[in-house]
Amino acid sequence: MNIVITGRHFEITDALRQHINDKINKANKYSHKIIEASVKLGIEKYRHLAEINMQINGALLSAKEETEDMYTSFDRALEKIERQLRKYKGRHTNKTHNSAKAALKRGDNSPDQESAWDEEESFSQFMAEDTYNDETGIDESGLTEPER
């Protein structure tokens, strides 16, 4: 992963650079497919601005934050990126789960699943059968008709 850190109107200290590298590398736990992370930091009067852009498999995640402290601005912007990463990962993880459900609907069943489907069908057929005998007035399924 390539991390580019840019400072505008101030010089980035080694401590800040190390803080940014550590935090970005921790965000790697959400997706190992992060290609590039670009961090732009700036100061305008009393406002400390942080902007983070991450490129992941063709997707671009972006977040901006402004506070009175540079570390806080960066941390809050990174929290926004982490939220986006979790959402991105959840969307792509759900596709694999949904494809398994789609395979079941298509008929790509294993033998155990087929027997379960057969049992369900036979139960549905049993419930659909007419078990009431008109001559005797008795339900042949073992249940009697309620008194009217």
C-alpha atoms as a PDB file:
ATOM      1  CA  MET A   1       0.000   0.000   0.000  1.00  0.00           C
ATOM      2  CA  ASN A   2       1.274   3.423  -0.951  1.00  0.00           C
ATOM      3  CA  ILE A   3       0.666   6.249   1.553  1.00  0.00           C
ATOM      4  CA  VAL A   4       1.113   9.833   0.335  1.00  0.00           C
ATOM      5  CA  ILE A   5       1.094  12.565   3.002  1.00  0.00           C
ATOM      6  CA  THR A   6       0.909  16.204   1.934  1.00  0.00           C
ATOM      7  CA  GLY A   7       1.024  19.284   4.171  1.00  0.00           C
ATOM      8  CA  ARG A   8      -0.313  22.662   3.127  1.00  0.00           C
ATOM      9  CA  HIS A   9       0.864  25.856   4.866  1.00  0.00           C
ATOM     10  CA  PHE A  10       2.850  23.903   7.471  1.00  0.00           C
ATOM     11  CA  GLU A  11       5.557  21.278   7.764  1.00  0.00           C
ATOM     12  CA  ILE A  12       4.548  17.769   8.823  1.00  0.00           C
ATOM     13  CA  THR A  13       6.432  16.578  11.904  1.00  0.00           C
ATOM     14  CA  ASP A  14       7.888  13.093  12.211  1.00  0.00           C
ATOM     15  CA  ALA A  15       5.494  12.321  15.080  1.00  0.00           C
ATOM     16  CA  LEU A  16       2.474  13.286  12.959  1.00  0.00           C
ATOM     17  CA  ARG A  17       3.806  11.293   9.992  1.00  0.00           C
ATOM     18  CA  GLN A  18       4.286   8.224  12.232  1.00  0.00           C
ATOM     19  CA  HIS A  19       0.786   8.651  13.715  1.00  0.00           C
ATOM     20  CA  ILE A  20      -0.738   8.779  10.219  1.00  0.00           C
ATOM     21  CA  ASN A  21       1.207   5.721   8.998  1.00  0.00           C
ATOM     22  CA  ASP A  22       0.221   3.672  12.072  1.00  0.00           C
ATOM     23  CA  LYS A  23      -3.470   4.558  11.830  1.00  0.00           C
ATOM     24  CA  ILE A  24      -3.693   3.940   8.063  1.00  0.00           C
ATOM     25  CA  ASN A  25      -1.988   0.557   8.449  1.00  0.00           C
ATOM     26  CA  LYS A  26      -4.516  -0.373  11.164  1.00  0.00           C
ATOM     27  CA  ALA A  27      -7.336   0.466   8.734  1.00  0.00           C
ATOM     28  CA  ASN A  28      -5.874  -2.275   6.537  1.00  0.00           C
ATOM     29  CA  LYS A  29      -7.719  -4.830   8.744  1.00  0.00           C
ATOM     30  CA  TYR A  30     -10.987  -3.924   6.989  1.00  0.00           C
ATOM     31  CA  SER A  31      -9.643  -4.528   3.504  1.00  0.00           C
ATOM     32  CA  HIS A  32      -6.302  -5.883   2.338  1.00  0.00           C
ATOM     33  CA  LYS A  33      -7.048  -4.505  -1.104  1.00  0.00           C
ATOM     34  CA  ILE A  34      -6.179  -0.880  -0.341  1.00  0.00           C
ATOM     35  CA  ILE A  35      -4.050   0.293  -3.251  1.00  0.00           C
ATOM     36  CA  GLU A  36      -3.257   3.865  -2.246  1.00  0.00           C
ATOM     37  CA  ALA A  37      -4.018   6.244   0.594  1.00  0.00           C
ATOM     38  CA  SER A  38      -3.623   9.988   0.117  1.00  0.00           C
ATOM     39  CA  VAL A  39      -3.656  12.248   3.180  1.00  0.00           C
ATOM     40  CA  LYS A  40      -3.797  16.019   2.728  1.00  0.00           C
ATOM     41  CA  LEU A  41      -3.389  18.198   5.808  1.00  0.00           C
ATOM     42  CA  GLY A  42      -3.703  21.968   5.954  1.00  0.00           C
ATOM     43  CA  ILE A  43      -4.019  24.926   8.261  1.00  0.00           C
ATOM     44  CA  GLU A  44      -6.195  27.978   7.608  1.00  0.00           C
ATOM     45  CA  LYS A  45      -6.172  30.457  10.487  1.00  0.00           C
ATOM     46  CA  TYR A  46      -7.403  28.417  13.488  1.00  0.00           C
ATOM     47  CA  ARG A  47      -8.851  25.561  11.396  1.00  0.00           C
ATOM     48  CA  HIS A  48      -6.904  22.326  10.949  1.00  0.00           C
ATOM     49  CA  LEU A  49      -8.117  20.435   7.881  1.00  0.00           C
ATOM     50  CA  ALA A  50      -7.614  16.768   7.074  1.00  0.00           C
ATOM     51  CA  GLU A  51      -8.663  15.054   3.855  1.00  0.00           C
ATOM     52  CA  ILE A  52      -8.178  11.329   3.213  1.00  0.00           C
ATOM     53  CA  ASN A  53      -8.682   9.545  -0.102  1.00  0.00           C
ATOM     54  CA  MET A  54      -8.314   5.759  -0.403  1.00  0.00           C
ATOM     55  CA  GLN A  55      -8.375   3.749  -3.574  1.00  0.00           C
ATOM     56  CA  ILE A  56      -9.668   0.177  -3.235  1.00  0.00           C
ATOM     57  CA  ASN A  57     -10.212  -2.095  -6.252  1.00  0.00           C
ATOM     58  CA  GLY A  58     -11.592   0.690  -8.408  1.00  0.00           C
ATOM     59  CA  ALA A  59     -13.579   2.337  -5.605  1.00  0.00           C
ATOM     60  CA  LEU A  60     -12.530   5.690  -4.186  1.00  0.00           C
ATOM     61  CA  LEU A  61     -13.340   6.432  -0.553  1.00  0.00           C
ATOM     62  CA  SER A  62     -13.054  10.037   0.596  1.00  0.00           C
ATOM     63  CA  ALA A  63     -13.470  11.931   3.875  1.00  0.00           C
ATOM     64  CA  LYS A  64     -12.817  15.477   5.105  1.00  0.00           C
ATOM     65  CA  GLU A  65     -12.776  16.837   8.615  1.00  0.00           C
ATOM     66  CA  GLU A  66     -11.902  20.149  10.268  1.00  0.00           C
ATOM     67  CA  THR A  67     -11.250  20.880  13.950  1.00  0.00           C
ATOM     68  CA  GLU A  68      -8.892  23.009  16.034  1.00  0.00           C
ATOM     69  CA  ASP A  69      -6.357  20.152  16.407  1.00  0.00           C
ATOM     70  CA  MET A  70      -4.558  18.369  13.526  1.00  0.00           C
ATOM     71  CA  TYR A  71      -4.496  14.936  15.215  1.00  0.00           C
ATOM     72  CA  THR A  72      -8.219  15.137  15.973  1.00  0.00           C
ATOM     73  CA  SER A  73      -9.017  16.211  12.408  1.00  0.00           C
ATOM     74  CA  PHE A  74      -7.077  13.282  10.991  1.00  0.00           C
ATOM     75  CA  ASP A  75      -8.561  10.765  13.460  1.00  0.00           C
ATOM     76  CA  ARG A  76     -12.145  11.859  12.730  1.00  0.00           C
ATOM     77  CA  ALA A  77     -11.570  11.733   8.972  1.00  0.00           C
ATOM     78  CA  LEU A  78     -10.098   8.244   9.378  1.00  0.00           C
ATOM     79  CA  GLU A  79     -13.182   7.157  11.374  1.00  0.00           C
ATOM     80  CA  LYS A  80     -15.329   8.198   8.412  1.00  0.00           C
ATOM     81  CA  ILE A  81     -13.100   6.200   6.060  1.00  0.00           C
ATOM     82  CA  GLU A  82     -13.287   3.152   8.355  1.00  0.00           C
ATOM     83  CA  ARG A  83     -17.098   3.378   8.314  1.00  0.00           C
ATOM     84  CA  GLN A  84     -17.013   3.448   4.527  1.00  0.00           C
ATOM     85  CA  LEU A  85     -14.586   0.490   4.497  1.00  0.00           C
ATOM     86  CA  ARG A  86     -16.896  -1.580   6.735  1.00  0.00           C
ATOM     87  CA  LYS A  87     -19.831  -0.740   4.478  1.00  0.00           C
ATOM     88  CA  TYR A  88     -17.821  -1.595   1.357  1.00  0.00           C
ATOM     89  CA  LYS A  89     -16.627  -4.874   2.882  1.00  0.00           C
ATOM     90  CA  GLY A  90     -20.170  -5.749   4.011  1.00  0.00           C
ATOM     91  CA  ARG A  91     -21.571  -5.196   0.539  1.00  0.00           C
ATOM     92  CA  HIS A  92     -18.970  -7.419  -1.072  1.00  0.00           C
ATOM     93  CA  THR A  93     -19.198 -10.098   1.629  1.00  0.00           C
ATOM     94  CA  ASN A  94     -22.989 -10.270   1.277  1.00  0.00           C
ATOM     95  CA  LYS A  95     -22.644 -10.983  -2.431  1.00  0.00           C
ATOM     96  CA  THR A  96     -20.898 -14.266  -1.699  1.00  0.00           C
ATOM     97  CA  HIS A  97     -23.594 -15.255   0.791  1.00  0.00           C
ATOM     98  CA  ASN A  98     -26.342 -14.270  -1.640  1.00  0.00           C
ATOM     99  CA  SER A  99     -24.720 -16.307  -4.415  1.00  0.00           C
ATOM    100  CA  ALA A 100     -25.026 -19.431  -2.229  1.00  0.00           C
ATOM    101  CA  LYS A 101     -28.746 -18.746  -1.792  1.00  0.00           C
ATOM    102  CA  ALA A 102     -29.095 -18.213  -5.532  1.00  0.00           C
ATOM    103  CA  ALA A 103     -27.395 -21.567  -6.166  1.00  0.00           C
ATOM    104  CA  LEU A 104     -30.000 -23.259  -3.961  1.00  0.00           C
ATOM    105  CA  LYS A 105     -32.826 -21.644  -5.901  1.00  0.00           C
ATOM    106  CA  ARG A 106     -31.269 -22.653  -9.230  1.00  0.00           C
ATOM    107  CA  GLY A 107     -31.173 -26.268  -8.135  1.00  0.00           C
ATOM    108  CA  ASP A 108     -27.484 -26.704  -7.362  1.00  0.00           C
ATOM    109  CA  ASN A 109     -28.381 -28.752  -4.280  1.00  0.00           C
ATOM    110  CA  SER A 110     -26.349 -31.279  -2.370  1.00  0.00           C
ATOM    111  CA  PRO A 111     -27.986 -34.671  -1.529  1.00  0.00           C
ATOM    112  CA  ASP A 112     -28.758 -33.554   2.041  1.00  0.00           C
ATOM    113  CA  GLN A 113     -30.514 -30.445   0.816  1.00  0.00           C
ATOM    114  CA  GLU A 114     -32.494 -32.445  -1.744  1.00  0.00           C
ATOM    115  CA  SER A 115     -33.836 -34.789   0.929  1.00  0.00           C
ATOM    116  CA  ALA A 116     -34.840 -31.790   3.040  1.00  0.00           C
ATOM    117  CA  TRP A 117     -36.696 -30.335   0.046  1.00  0.00           C
ATOM    118  CA  ASP A 118     -38.435 -33.713  -0.528  1.00  0.00           C
ATOM    119  CA  GLU A 119     -39.556 -33.863   3.113  1.00  0.00           C
ATOM    120  CA  GLU A 120     -40.932 -30.342   2.873  1.00  0.00           C
ATOM    121  CA  GLU A 121     -42.794 -31.181  -0.333  1.00  0.00           C
ATOM    122  CA  SER A 122     -44.323 -34.344   1.151  1.00  0.00           C
ATOM    123  CA  PHE A 123     -45.443 -32.384   4.218  1.00  0.00           C
ATOM    124  CA  SER A 124     -47.014 -29.745   1.968  1.00  0.00           C
ATOM    125  CA  GLN A 125     -48.819 -32.462   0.012  1.00  0.00           C
ATOM    126  CA  PHE A 126     -50.040 -34.076   3.243  1.00  0.00           C
ATOM    127  CA  MET A 127     -51.452 -30.785   4.436  1.00  0.00           C
ATOM    128  CA  ALA A 128     -53.147 -30.182   1.089  1.00  0.00           C
ATOM    129  CA  GLU A 129     -54.903 -33.590   1.011  1.00  0.00           C
ATOM    130  CA  ASP A 130     -58.584 -33.650   1.823  1.00  0.00           C
ATOM    131  CA  THR A 131     -58.884 -35.987   4.830  1.00  0.00           C
ATOM    132  CA  TYR A 132     -62.456 -35.184   5.799  1.00  0.00           C
ATOM    133  CA  ASN A 133     -64.946 -37.991   5.175  1.00  0.00           C
ATOM    134  CA  ASP A 134     -68.377 -36.599   4.263  1.00  0.00           C
ATOM    135  CA  GLU A 135     -70.264 -39.832   5.125  1.00  0.00           C
ATOM    136  CA  THR A 136     -69.057 -40.247   8.677  1.00  0.00           C
ATOM    137  CA  GLY A 137     -68.327 -36.620   9.536  1.00  0.00           C
ATOM    138  CA  ILE A 138     -64.941 -37.630  10.930  1.00  0.00           C
ATOM    139  CA  ASP A 139     -61.638 -36.138  10.001  1.00  0.00           C
ATOM    140  CA  GLU A 140     -59.421 -39.092   8.999  1.00  0.00           C
ATOM    141  CA  SER A 141     -56.236 -37.286   9.961  1.00  0.00           C
ATOM    142  CA  GLY A 142     -57.112 -38.012  13.586  1.00  0.00           C
ATOM    143  CA  LEU A 143     -58.739 -34.705  14.341  1.00  0.00           C
ATOM    144  CA  THR A 144     -62.462 -34.359  14.672  1.00  0.00           C
ATOM    145  CA  GLU A 145     -64.524 -31.609  13.186  1.00  0.00           C
ATOM    146  CA  PRO A 146     -65.593 -28.973  15.727  1.00  0.00           C
ATOM    147  CA  GLU A 147     -69.246 -28.929  16.791  1.00  0.00           C
ATOM    148  CA  ARG A 148     -71.398 -26.288  15.079  1.00  0.00           C
END
